[in-house]
Protein backbone atom coordinates (compact mmCIF):
# COMPACT_ATOMS: atom_id res chain seq x y z
CA UNK A 1 9.88 -9.38 -13.80
CA UNK A 2 10.91 -10.06 -10.40
CA UNK A 3 12.66 -12.62 -8.78
CA UNK A 4 11.95 -15.01 -5.87
CA UNK A 5 13.87 -12.70 -3.63
CA UNK A 6 12.68 -9.55 -4.48
CA UNK A 7 9.21 -10.96 -3.89
CA UNK A 8 10.44 -11.91 -0.28
CA UNK A 9 11.92 -8.58 0.13
CA UNK A 10 8.82 -6.89 -0.64
CA UNK A 11 7.02 -9.24 1.56
CA UNK A 12 9.24 -8.15 4.21
CA UNK A 13 9.26 -4.49 3.49
CA UNK A 14 5.50 -4.60 3.71
CA UNK A 15 5.55 -6.23 7.00
CA UNK A 16 7.91 -3.91 8.17
CA UNK A 17 5.23 -1.55 7.19
CA UNK A 18 2.47 -3.10 8.84
CA UNK A 19 4.38 -3.37 12.30
CA UNK A 20 5.34 0.16 12.33
CA UNK A 21 1.95 1.63 11.50
CA UNK A 22 -0.32 -0.76 13.65
CA UNK A 23 -3.44 0.95 12.25
CA UNK A 24 -4.68 2.24 9.10
CA UNK A 25 -3.95 6.15 8.77
CA UNK A 26 -7.14 6.25 6.67
CA UNK A 27 -9.63 4.11 8.19
CA UNK A 28 -8.01 3.41 11.87
CA UNK A 29 -8.70 -0.49 11.09
CA UNK A 30 -5.97 -2.33 12.43
CA UNK A 31 -3.45 -3.53 9.43
CA UNK A 32 -2.99 -7.18 8.27
CA UNK A 33 -0.04 -7.91 5.82
CA UNK A 34 -1.77 -10.45 4.74
CA UNK A 35 -4.46 -8.09 3.23
CA UNK A 36 -3.41 -4.82 3.31
CA UNK A 37 -2.94 -2.55 -0.05
CA UNK A 38 0.81 -1.35 -0.57
CA UNK A 39 1.41 1.87 -2.42
CA UNK A 40 5.24 2.25 -3.93
CA UNK A 41 7.68 4.64 -4.54
CA UNK A 42 9.28 6.08 -7.52
CA UNK A 43 11.81 2.88 -7.26
CA UNK A 44 8.80 0.18 -7.34
CA UNK A 45 9.23 -0.45 -3.46
CA UNK A 46 6.46 -0.42 -1.01
CA UNK A 47 6.35 2.60 0.94
CA UNK A 48 3.03 2.68 2.52
CA UNK A 49 0.07 0.59 3.66
CA UNK A 50 -3.60 0.95 3.92
CA UNK A 51 -6.56 -1.47 4.67
CA UNK A 52 -8.38 -3.12 1.60
CA UNK A 53 -11.57 -0.56 3.01
CA UNK A 54 -9.17 2.41 2.68
CA UNK A 55 -8.29 1.36 -0.98
CA UNK A 56 -11.74 0.88 -1.80
CA UNK A 57 -12.38 4.70 -0.61
CA UNK A 58 -9.03 6.27 -2.18
CA UNK A 59 -9.27 4.52 -5.68
CA UNK A 60 -13.14 6.10 -6.35
CA UNK A 61 -12.09 9.48 -4.85
CA UNK A 62 -10.21 11.76 -7.36
CA UNK A 63 -9.16 14.06 -4.84
CA UNK A 64 -7.46 11.27 -2.36
CA UNK A 65 -6.02 9.61 -5.56
CA UNK A 66 -4.34 13.25 -6.46
CA UNK A 67 -2.76 13.47 -2.94
CA UNK A 68 -1.37 10.16 -2.93
CA UNK A 69 -0.23 10.49 -6.15
CA UNK A 70 0.88 14.08 -6.92
CA UNK A 71 1.73 15.14 -3.35
CA UNK A 72 3.20 12.40 -1.87
CA UNK A 73 4.57 10.78 -5.24
CA UNK A 74 3.21 7.21 -4.78
CA UNK A 75 2.24 4.81 -7.41
CA UNK A 76 -1.15 3.31 -6.57
CA UNK A 77 -1.72 -0.24 -7.62
CA UNK A 78 -4.87 -0.54 -10.32
CA UNK A 79 -7.25 -3.25 -10.72
CA UNK A 80 -5.41 -4.72 -8.02
CA UNK A 81 -6.97 -6.94 -5.12
CA UNK A 82 -5.30 -6.81 -1.89
CA UNK A 83 -2.30 -8.69 -1.93
CA UNK A 84 0.46 -8.15 0.41
């Protein structure tokens, strides 16, 4: 269960990641903190952001999922609408 403060901090972390990346590393589209999809690290904090289009491509591609989950160690948001 997360508190309001945790939700605010997570939102700020996503905004920071979007501001740092500017464009999606997968599609090259300009990222929007309101619509991006965030992958989380081992502690449950946002660590990587992609565009909704990239997420649609990643979640159906087994090789891409294995890369992000296994090699990079991210937790992917299962059955989640873009909600950054």
